[in-house]
C-alpha atoms as a PDB file:
ATOM      1  CA  MET A   1      13.419  20.376  10.285  1.00  0.00           C
ATOM      2  CA  HIS A   2      10.010  18.755  10.758  1.00  0.00           C
ATOM      3  CA  ILE A   3       9.074  15.936   8.359  1.00  0.00           C
ATOM      4  CA  LEU A   4       5.573  14.452   8.289  1.00  0.00           C
ATOM      5  CA  ILE A   5       5.384  10.949   6.810  1.00  0.00           C
ATOM      6  CA  LEU A   6       1.997   9.694   5.682  1.00  0.00           C
ATOM      7  CA  GLY A   7       2.674   6.042   6.333  1.00  0.00           C
ATOM      8  CA  GLY A   8       1.465   2.642   7.339  1.00  0.00           C
ATOM      9  CA  THR A   9       3.688   0.860   4.821  1.00  0.00           C
ATOM     10  CA  THR A  10       6.970  -0.992   5.268  1.00  0.00           C
ATOM     11  CA  GLU A  11       8.717   1.748   3.306  1.00  0.00           C
ATOM     12  CA  ALA A  12       7.286   4.455   5.552  1.00  0.00           C
ATOM     13  CA  ARG A  13       8.530   2.680   8.681  1.00  0.00           C
ATOM     14  CA  ARG A  14      11.977   2.244   7.154  1.00  0.00           C
ATOM     15  CA  LEU A  15      12.111   5.917   6.181  1.00  0.00           C
ATOM     16  CA  ALA A  16      11.231   6.902   9.755  1.00  0.00           C
ATOM     17  CA  GLU A  17      13.998   4.597  11.002  1.00  0.00           C
ATOM     18  CA  LEU A  18      16.573   6.184   8.691  1.00  0.00           C
ATOM     19  CA  LEU A  19      15.562   9.740   9.515  1.00  0.00           C
ATOM     20  CA  THR A  20      15.364   9.275  13.302  1.00  0.00           C
ATOM     21  CA  ALA A  21      18.809   7.640  13.243  1.00  0.00           C
ATOM     22  CA  VAL A  22      20.400  10.866  11.936  1.00  0.00           C
ATOM     23  CA  ASP A  23      22.483  12.190  14.840  1.00  0.00           C
ATOM     24  CA  PRO A  24      19.754  12.294  17.505  1.00  0.00           C
ATOM     25  CA  PRO A  25      18.723  14.659  19.041  1.00  0.00           C
ATOM     26  CA  SER A  26      20.140  17.062  16.455  1.00  0.00           C
ATOM     27  CA  GLY A  27      18.499  15.356  13.475  1.00  0.00           C
ATOM     28  CA  PRO A  28      15.108  16.131  11.964  1.00  0.00           C
ATOM     29  CA  ARG A  29      11.868  15.873  13.873  1.00  0.00           C
ATOM     30  CA  VAL A  30       9.927  12.990  12.338  1.00  0.00           C
ATOM     31  CA  THR A  31       6.186  12.450  12.700  1.00  0.00           C
ATOM     32  CA  SER A  32       4.484   9.431  11.134  1.00  0.00           C
ATOM     33  CA  SER A  33       0.748   9.533  10.483  1.00  0.00           C
ATOM     34  CA  LEU A  34      -1.185   6.240  10.370  1.00  0.00           C
ATOM     35  CA  ALA A  35      -4.745   5.981   9.114  1.00  0.00           C
ATOM     36  CA  GLY A  36      -5.809   3.686  11.960  1.00  0.00           C
ATOM     37  CA  ARG A  37      -7.430   1.047   9.755  1.00  0.00           C
ATOM     38  CA  VAL A  38      -5.349  -1.792  11.267  1.00  0.00           C
ATOM     39  CA  ALA A  39      -6.149  -2.791  14.841  1.00  0.00           C
ATOM     40  CA  THR A  40      -2.522  -3.384  15.884  1.00  0.00           C
ATOM     41  CA  PRO A  41      -0.250  -1.422  13.534  1.00  0.00           C
ATOM     42  CA  ARG A  42       3.522  -1.736  13.604  1.00  0.00           C
ATOM     43  CA  LEU A  43       4.567   1.611  15.003  1.00  0.00           C
ATOM     44  CA  PRO A  44       7.591   3.400  13.522  1.00  0.00           C
ATOM     45  CA  PRO A  45      10.167   5.299  15.595  1.00  0.00           C
ATOM     46  CA  GLY A  46       9.682   8.991  16.200  1.00  0.00           C
ATOM     47  CA  GLU A  47       6.400  10.728  16.876  1.00  0.00           C
ATOM     48  CA  VAL A  48       3.218   8.941  15.774  1.00  0.00           C
ATOM     49  CA  ARG A  49      -0.318  10.180  15.206  1.00  0.00           C
ATOM     50  CA  ILE A  50      -3.214   7.877  14.338  1.00  0.00           C
ATOM     51  CA  GLY A  51      -6.376   8.863  12.510  1.00  0.00           C
ATOM     52  CA  GLY A  52      -7.493  11.034   9.637  1.00  0.00           C
ATOM     53  CA  PHE A  53      -7.002  14.766   9.211  1.00  0.00           C
ATOM     54  CA  GLY A  54     -10.460  15.652   7.946  1.00  0.00           C
ATOM     55  CA  GLY A  55      -9.621  15.884   4.271  1.00  0.00           C
ATOM     56  CA  ALA A  56      -7.207  18.149   2.441  1.00  0.00           C
ATOM     57  CA  ASP A  57      -8.186  21.261   4.408  1.00  0.00           C
ATOM     58  CA  GLY A  58      -7.604  19.507   7.723  1.00  0.00           C
ATOM     59  CA  LEU A  59      -4.215  18.239   6.586  1.00  0.00           C
ATOM     60  CA  ALA A  60      -3.230  21.734   5.385  1.00  0.00           C
ATOM     61  CA  ASP A  61      -4.183  23.151   8.788  1.00  0.00           C
ATOM     62  CA  TRP A  62      -2.096  20.469  10.530  1.00  0.00           C
ATOM     63  CA  LEU A  63       0.921  21.213   8.335  1.00  0.00           C
ATOM     64  CA  ARG A  64       0.753  24.897   9.224  1.00  0.00           C
ATOM     65  CA  GLU A  65      -0.035  24.382  12.921  1.00  0.00           C
ATOM     66  CA  HIS A  66       2.887  21.987  13.429  1.00  0.00           C
ATOM     67  CA  THR A  67       5.331  23.887  11.200  1.00  0.00           C
ATOM     68  CA  VAL A  68       5.982  20.990   8.836  1.00  0.00           C
ATOM     69  CA  ASP A  69       8.866  21.600   6.412  1.00  0.00           C
ATOM     70  CA  LEU A  70       8.350  18.527   4.206  1.00  0.00           C
ATOM     71  CA  LEU A  71       5.427  16.180   3.605  1.00  0.00           C
ATOM     72  CA  VAL A  72       6.266  12.639   2.447  1.00  0.00           C
ATOM     73  CA  ASP A  73       3.453  10.563   0.992  1.00  0.00           C
ATOM     74  CA  ALA A  74       4.629   7.015   1.707  1.00  0.00           C
ATOM     75  CA  THR A  75       1.145   5.506   1.780  1.00  0.00           C
ATOM     76  CA  HIS A  76       0.063   2.334   0.001  1.00  0.00           C
ATOM     77  CA  PRO A  77       0.173   2.660  -3.821  1.00  0.00           C
ATOM     78  CA  PHE A  78      -3.635   2.263  -3.861  1.00  0.00           C
ATOM     79  CA  ALA A  79      -4.368   4.902  -1.213  1.00  0.00           C
ATOM     80  CA  GLY A  80      -5.523   7.279  -3.913  1.00  0.00           C
ATOM     81  CA  THR A  81      -7.701   9.558  -1.776  1.00  0.00           C
ATOM     82  CA  ILE A  82      -5.010  10.437   0.762  1.00  0.00           C
ATOM     83  CA  SER A  83      -2.478  10.986  -2.030  1.00  0.00           C
ATOM     84  CA  PHE A  84      -4.830  13.435  -3.732  1.00  0.00           C
ATOM     85  CA  ASN A  85      -5.507  15.177  -0.415  1.00  0.00           C
ATOM     86  CA  ALA A  86      -1.786  15.323   0.314  1.00  0.00           C
ATOM     87  CA  ALA A  87      -1.074  17.060  -2.984  1.00  0.00           C
ATOM     88  CA  LEU A  88      -3.870  19.573  -2.423  1.00  0.00           C
ATOM     89  CA  ALA A  89      -2.900  20.207   1.211  1.00  0.00           C
ATOM     90  CA  ALA A  90       0.782  20.655   0.382  1.00  0.00           C
ATOM     91  CA  ALA A  91      -0.069  23.197  -2.290  1.00  0.00           C
ATOM     92  CA  THR A  92      -2.465  25.031   0.042  1.00  0.00           C
ATOM     93  CA  ALA A  93       0.023  25.165   2.931  1.00  0.00           C
ATOM     94  CA  HIS A  94       3.024  25.827   0.630  1.00  0.00           C
ATOM     95  CA  VAL A  95       4.848  22.755   1.949  1.00  0.00           C
ATOM     96  CA  PRO A  96       7.022  20.655  -0.406  1.00  0.00           C
ATOM     97  CA  LEU A  97       5.679  17.154  -1.127  1.00  0.00           C
ATOM     98  CA  LEU A  98       7.610  13.998  -1.968  1.00  0.00           C
ATOM     99  CA  ALA A  99       5.982  10.681  -2.935  1.00  0.00           C
ATOM    100  CA  LEU A 100       7.637   7.392  -1.992  1.00  0.00           C
ATOM    101  CA  ARG A 101       6.309   4.566  -4.178  1.00  0.00           C
ATOM    102  CA  ARG A 102       7.766   1.074  -4.315  1.00  0.00           C
ATOM    103  CA  PRO A 103       8.145  -0.085  -7.946  1.00  0.00           C
ATOM    104  CA  GLY A 104       5.219  -2.019  -9.350  1.00  0.00           C
ATOM    105  CA  TRP A 105       5.294  -5.612 -10.513  1.00  0.00           C
ATOM    106  CA  GLY A 106       5.568  -6.685 -14.122  1.00  0.00           C
ATOM    107  CA  PRO A 107       4.801  -9.979 -15.897  1.00  0.00           C
ATOM    108  CA  VAL A 108       7.644 -12.348 -16.781  1.00  0.00           C
ATOM    109  CA  ASP A 109       7.833 -15.411 -19.001  1.00  0.00           C
ATOM    110  CA  GLY A 110       5.245 -17.964 -17.938  1.00  0.00           C
ATOM    111  CA  ASP A 111       2.822 -15.473 -16.407  1.00  0.00           C
ATOM    112  CA  ASP A 112      -0.834 -15.417 -17.472  1.00  0.00           C
ATOM    113  CA  TRP A 113      -1.804 -11.899 -16.436  1.00  0.00           C
ATOM    114  CA  HIS A 114      -5.152 -10.205 -17.015  1.00  0.00           C
ATOM    115  CA  GLU A 115      -5.024  -6.500 -16.168  1.00  0.00           C
ATOM    116  CA  ALA A 116      -7.953  -4.501 -14.822  1.00  0.00           C
ATOM    117  CA  GLY A 117      -8.304  -0.810 -14.153  1.00  0.00           C
ATOM    118  CA  SER A 118     -10.385  -1.245 -10.994  1.00  0.00           C
ATOM    119  CA  LEU A 119     -11.722  -3.826  -8.548  1.00  0.00           C
ATOM    120  CA  ALA A 120     -15.022  -3.802 -10.422  1.00  0.00           C
ATOM    121  CA  GLY A 121     -13.111  -4.526 -13.621  1.00  0.00           C
ATOM    122  CA  ALA A 122     -11.320  -7.399 -11.908  1.00  0.00           C
ATOM    123  CA  ALA A 123     -14.637  -8.859 -10.739  1.00  0.00           C
ATOM    124  CA  ALA A 124     -15.993  -8.706 -14.294  1.00  0.00           C
ATOM    125  CA  LEU A 125     -13.112 -10.871 -15.531  1.00  0.00           C
ATOM    126  CA  LEU A 126     -13.562 -13.711 -13.054  1.00  0.00           C
ATOM    127  CA  PRO A 127     -16.501 -15.662 -14.549  1.00  0.00           C
ATOM    128  CA  GLY A 128     -14.400 -16.585 -17.562  1.00  0.00           C
ATOM    129  CA  LEU A 129     -11.260 -17.515 -15.623  1.00  0.00           C
ATOM    130  CA  GLY A 130     -12.119 -19.816 -12.739  1.00  0.00           C
ATOM    131  CA  ARG A 131     -14.301 -20.658  -9.745  1.00  0.00           C
ATOM    132  CA  ARG A 132     -11.906 -20.878  -6.769  1.00  0.00           C
ATOM    133  CA  ILE A 133     -10.459 -17.419  -6.284  1.00  0.00           C
ATOM    134  CA  PHE A 134      -7.601 -16.330  -4.037  1.00  0.00           C
ATOM    135  CA  LEU A 135      -8.507 -12.698  -3.395  1.00  0.00           C
ATOM    136  CA  THR A 136      -5.619 -10.593  -2.032  1.00  0.00           C
ATOM    137  CA  THR A 137      -6.912  -7.076  -2.683  1.00  0.00           C
ATOM    138  CA  GLY A 138      -7.413  -6.147   0.980  1.00  0.00           C
ATOM    139  CA  ARG A 139     -10.451  -6.189   3.234  1.00  0.00           C
ATOM    140  CA  MET A 140     -11.709  -2.745   2.159  1.00  0.00           C
ATOM    141  CA  GLY A 141     -12.605  -3.689  -1.423  1.00  0.00           C
ATOM    142  CA  LEU A 142     -14.663  -6.859  -1.071  1.00  0.00           C
ATOM    143  CA  ALA A 143     -17.898  -5.106  -1.983  1.00  0.00           C
ATOM    144  CA  ALA A 144     -16.801  -5.116  -5.630  1.00  0.00           C
ATOM    145  CA  PHE A 145     -17.019  -8.933  -5.595  1.00  0.00           C
ATOM    146  CA  ALA A 146     -20.077  -9.340  -3.344  1.00  0.00           C
ATOM    147  CA  HIS A 147     -22.483  -9.826  -6.260  1.00  0.00           C
ATOM    148  CA  LEU A 148     -20.636 -12.948  -7.480  1.00  0.00           C
ATOM    149  CA  ASP A 149     -22.553 -15.916  -6.050  1.00  0.00           C
ATOM    150  CA  ASP A 150     -20.984 -18.771  -8.008  1.00  0.00           C
ATOM    151  CA  PRO A 151     -17.224 -18.468  -7.334  1.00  0.00           C
ATOM    152  CA  TRP A 152     -15.686 -19.471  -3.997  1.00  0.00           C
ATOM    153  CA  PHE A 153     -13.322 -16.902  -2.514  1.00  0.00           C
ATOM    154  CA  LEU A 154     -10.333 -17.254  -0.210  1.00  0.00           C
ATOM    155  CA  VAL A 155      -9.722 -13.801   1.283  1.00  0.00           C
ATOM    156  CA  ARG A 156      -6.510 -12.950   3.102  1.00  0.00           C
ATOM    157  CA  SER A 157      -6.254  -9.818   5.232  1.00  0.00           C
ATOM    158  CA  VAL A 158      -4.644  -8.534   8.426  1.00  0.00           C
ATOM    159  CA  ASP A 159      -7.977  -7.815  10.137  1.00  0.00           C
ATOM    160  CA  PRO A 160     -11.404  -9.409   9.580  1.00  0.00           C
ATOM    161  CA  PRO A 161     -13.228  -7.900   6.591  1.00  0.00           C
ATOM    162  CA  GLU A 162     -16.519  -6.102   6.963  1.00  0.00           C
ATOM    163  CA  PRO A 163     -19.611  -6.811   4.829  1.00  0.00           C
ATOM    164  CA  PRO A 164     -20.662  -6.828   2.109  1.00  0.00           C
ATOM    165  CA  CYS A 165     -18.617  -9.881   1.127  1.00  0.00           C
ATOM    166  CA  PRO A 166     -19.164 -12.605  -1.470  1.00  0.00           C
ATOM    167  CA  ALA A 167     -21.600 -15.267  -0.275  1.00  0.00           C
ATOM    168  CA  ARG A 168     -19.036 -18.072  -0.506  1.00  0.00           C
ATOM    169  CA  THR A 169     -16.018 -16.699   1.342  1.00  0.00           C
ATOM    170  CA  GLU A 170     -13.362 -18.145   3.621  1.00  0.00           C
ATOM    171  CA  VAL A 171     -11.101 -15.689   5.447  1.00  0.00           C
ATOM    172  CA  VAL A 172      -7.458 -16.207   6.396  1.00  0.00           C
ATOM    173  CA  LEU A 173      -6.047 -13.630   8.823  1.00  0.00           C
ATOM    174  CA  ASP A 174      -2.343 -13.166   8.187  1.00  0.00           C
ATOM    175  CA  ARG A 175       0.267 -10.467   7.754  1.00  0.00           C
ATOM    176  CA  GLY A 176       3.200 -10.558   5.338  1.00  0.00           C
ATOM    177  CA  PRO A 177       5.926 -11.078   4.433  1.00  0.00           C
ATOM    178  CA  PHE A 178       4.921 -14.420   2.937  1.00  0.00           C
ATOM    179  CA  THR A 179       7.192 -17.247   1.814  1.00  0.00           C
ATOM    180  CA  LEU A 180       7.126 -19.022  -1.524  1.00  0.00           C
ATOM    181  CA  ASP A 181       6.659 -22.412   0.139  1.00  0.00           C
ATOM    182  CA  GLY A 182       3.755 -21.028   2.135  1.00  0.00           C
ATOM    183  CA  GLU A 183       2.078 -19.591  -0.959  1.00  0.00           C
ATOM    184  CA  ARG A 184       2.540 -22.855  -2.870  1.00  0.00           C
ATOM    185  CA  ALA A 185       0.886 -24.780  -0.042  1.00  0.00           C
ATOM    186  CA  LEU A 186      -1.980 -22.298   0.217  1.00  0.00           C
ATOM    187  CA  LEU A 187      -2.795 -22.515  -3.495  1.00  0.00           C
ATOM    188  CA  ARG A 188      -2.564 -26.295  -3.422  1.00  0.00           C
ATOM    189  CA  ASP A 189      -4.507 -26.904  -0.201  1.00  0.00           C
ATOM    190  CA  HIS A 190      -7.387 -24.640  -1.239  1.00  0.00           C
ATOM    191  CA  ARG A 191      -7.393 -25.799  -4.878  1.00  0.00           C
ATOM    192  CA  ILE A 192      -7.109 -22.213  -6.106  1.00  0.00           C
ATOM    193  CA  ASP A 193      -7.522 -21.712  -9.859  1.00  0.00           C
ATOM    194  CA  VAL A 194      -7.345 -17.864 -10.068  1.00  0.00           C
ATOM    195  CA  LEU A 195      -5.349 -15.247  -8.166  1.00  0.00           C
ATOM    196  CA  VAL A 196      -6.601 -11.668  -7.870  1.00  0.00           C
ATOM    197  CA  THR A 197      -4.203  -8.994  -6.628  1.00  0.00           C
ATOM    198  CA  LYS A 198      -3.466  -5.303  -6.760  1.00  0.00           C
ATOM    199  CA  ASP A 199      -0.172  -4.144  -8.260  1.00  0.00           C
ATOM    200  CA  SER A 200       1.132  -3.236  -4.821  1.00  0.00           C
ATOM    201  CA  GLY A 201       4.754  -3.989  -5.674  1.00  0.00           C
ATOM    202  CA  GLY A 202       7.420  -4.911  -3.150  1.00  0.00           C
ATOM    203  CA  ALA A 203       8.871  -8.220  -2.034  1.00  0.00           C
ATOM    204  CA  ALA A 204       6.675  -8.973   0.994  1.00  0.00           C
ATOM    205  CA  THR A 205       3.710 -10.289  -1.012  1.00  0.00           C
ATOM    206  CA  ALA A 206       5.395 -11.094  -4.349  1.00  0.00           C
ATOM    207  CA  PRO A 207       5.820 -14.871  -3.694  1.00  0.00           C
ATOM    208  CA  LYS A 208       2.142 -15.439  -4.528  1.00  0.00           C
ATOM    209  CA  LEU A 209       2.900 -14.357  -8.119  1.00  0.00           C
ATOM    210  CA  THR A 210       5.711 -16.899  -8.389  1.00  0.00           C
ATOM    211  CA  ALA A 211       3.517 -19.624  -6.914  1.00  0.00           C
ATOM    212  CA  ALA A 212       0.722 -18.801  -9.369  1.00  0.00           C
ATOM    213  CA  ARG A 213       3.164 -18.860 -12.292  1.00  0.00           C
ATOM    214  CA  GLU A 214       4.509 -22.251 -11.241  1.00  0.00           C
ATOM    215  CA  ALA A 215       0.955 -23.617 -10.993  1.00  0.00           C
ATOM    216  CA  GLY A 216      -0.042 -22.162 -14.366  1.00  0.00           C
ATOM    217  CA  LEU A 217      -2.822 -20.065 -12.830  1.00  0.00           C
ATOM    218  CA  PRO A 218      -4.307 -16.920 -14.390  1.00  0.00           C
ATOM    219  CA  VAL A 219      -3.656 -13.778 -12.361  1.00  0.00           C
ATOM    220  CA  VAL A 220      -5.948 -10.752 -12.418  1.00  0.00           C
ATOM    221  CA  VAL A 221      -3.845  -7.662 -11.647  1.00  0.00           C
ATOM    222  CA  VAL A 222      -5.493  -4.349 -10.738  1.00  0.00           C
ATOM    223  CA  ARG A 223      -3.385  -1.459 -12.030  1.00  0.00           C
ATOM    224  CA  ARG A 224      -2.354   1.160  -9.467  1.00  0.00           C
ATOM    225  CA  PRO A 225      -3.545   4.772  -9.722  1.00  0.00           C
ATOM    226  CA  PRO A 226      -0.992   7.396 -10.812  1.00  0.00           C
ATOM    227  CA  VAL A 227       0.793   9.736  -8.433  1.00  0.00           C
ATOM    228  CA  PRO A 228      -0.711  13.268  -8.614  1.00  0.00           C
ATOM    229  CA  ALA A 229       0.824  15.295 -11.413  1.00  0.00           C
ATOM    230  CA  GLY A 230       3.910  17.322 -10.595  1.00  0.00           C
ATOM    231  CA  VAL A 231       4.851  15.419  -7.423  1.00  0.00           C
ATOM    232  CA  PRO A 232       8.449  14.086  -7.389  1.00  0.00           C
ATOM    233  CA  VAL A 233       8.633  10.323  -6.848  1.00  0.00           C
ATOM    234  CA  VAL A 234      11.357   8.116  -5.364  1.00  0.00           C
ATOM    235  CA  PRO A 235      11.269   4.288  -5.304  1.00  0.00           C
ATOM    236  CA  GLY A 236      12.501   3.589  -1.777  1.00  0.00           C
ATOM    237  CA  PRO A 237      13.435   4.938   1.680  1.00  0.00           C
ATOM    238  CA  ALA A 238      17.163   5.311   0.938  1.00  0.00           C
ATOM    239  CA  GLU A 239      16.363   7.292  -2.197  1.00  0.00           C
ATOM    240  CA  ALA A 240      13.982   9.461  -0.177  1.00  0.00           C
ATOM    241  CA  VAL A 241      16.726  10.307   2.322  1.00  0.00           C
ATOM    242  CA  GLU A 242      19.099  11.164  -0.535  1.00  0.00           C
ATOM    243  CA  TRP A 243      16.416  13.361  -2.139  1.00  0.00           C
ATOM    244  CA  ILE A 244      15.912  15.200   1.153  1.00  0.00           C
ATOM    245  CA  ARG A 245      19.636  15.726   1.610  1.00  0.00           C
ATOM    246  CA  THR A 246      19.981  17.037  -1.929  1.00  0.00           C
ATOM    247  CA  ALA A 247      17.066  19.421  -1.461  1.00  0.00           C
ATOM    248  CA  TYR A 248      17.792  20.566   2.098  1.00  0.00           C
ATOM    249  CA  GLY A 249      21.446  19.814   2.801  1.00  0.00           C
ATOM    250  CA  PRO A 250      22.671  18.079   5.986  1.00  0.00           C
ATOM    251  CA  LEU A 251      19.858  16.794   8.183  1.00  0.00           C
ATOM    252  CA  THR A 252      21.435  17.958  11.437  1.00  0.00           C
ATOM    253  CA  ARG A 253      21.146  21.293  13.182  1.00  0.00           C
END
């Protein structure tokens, strides 16, 4: 059985670990595909390919050429384009598709959340909320905030962001998981008065929400796009393995 994992996330790496640990070498063949947007990605076990496919048609061709039996979309919850292409490619190549999506976050008592449907919507909310912004939406979306000249932005990303960026920006290069004490210190030391984040879910970057709640800060949360219609969804790697076993039986030859 050949399983292609569209990855780059912690969950995708864990799924590759679980699948490659199944009675090697009799277990499934596992290939992980990484987009190549991070300079030094954490490579999962199994086979790895880096780079795009050339859209849905290119991915469909790859699925057929490499005799893929199952496509798992374990990309970031906000990687909407690749998820759409995956659904189209799977249908074109007649390959089953499974989506692995970590559960999203939700507000709790004490939170001051302001939801937005897009990065542009999040930027539109900022003038009424504060002037020192901790922006944790990733380096690829800074253009949505570039027109805001008055606020000061602290941007955290794994790799340096590319322009256009807001005029008043300080960049912190770091990779999660992050600790609650570290997030408290960051908000305090930079005198942050607003947090902006995507609803990425997961525990690795959740401490910033707790730190913001403790400090009484407003949080602008960008809602995640939906999974393409008709695609089965599981919340984690263990559930994905169980889904595969239920659908295909034992994962050994």
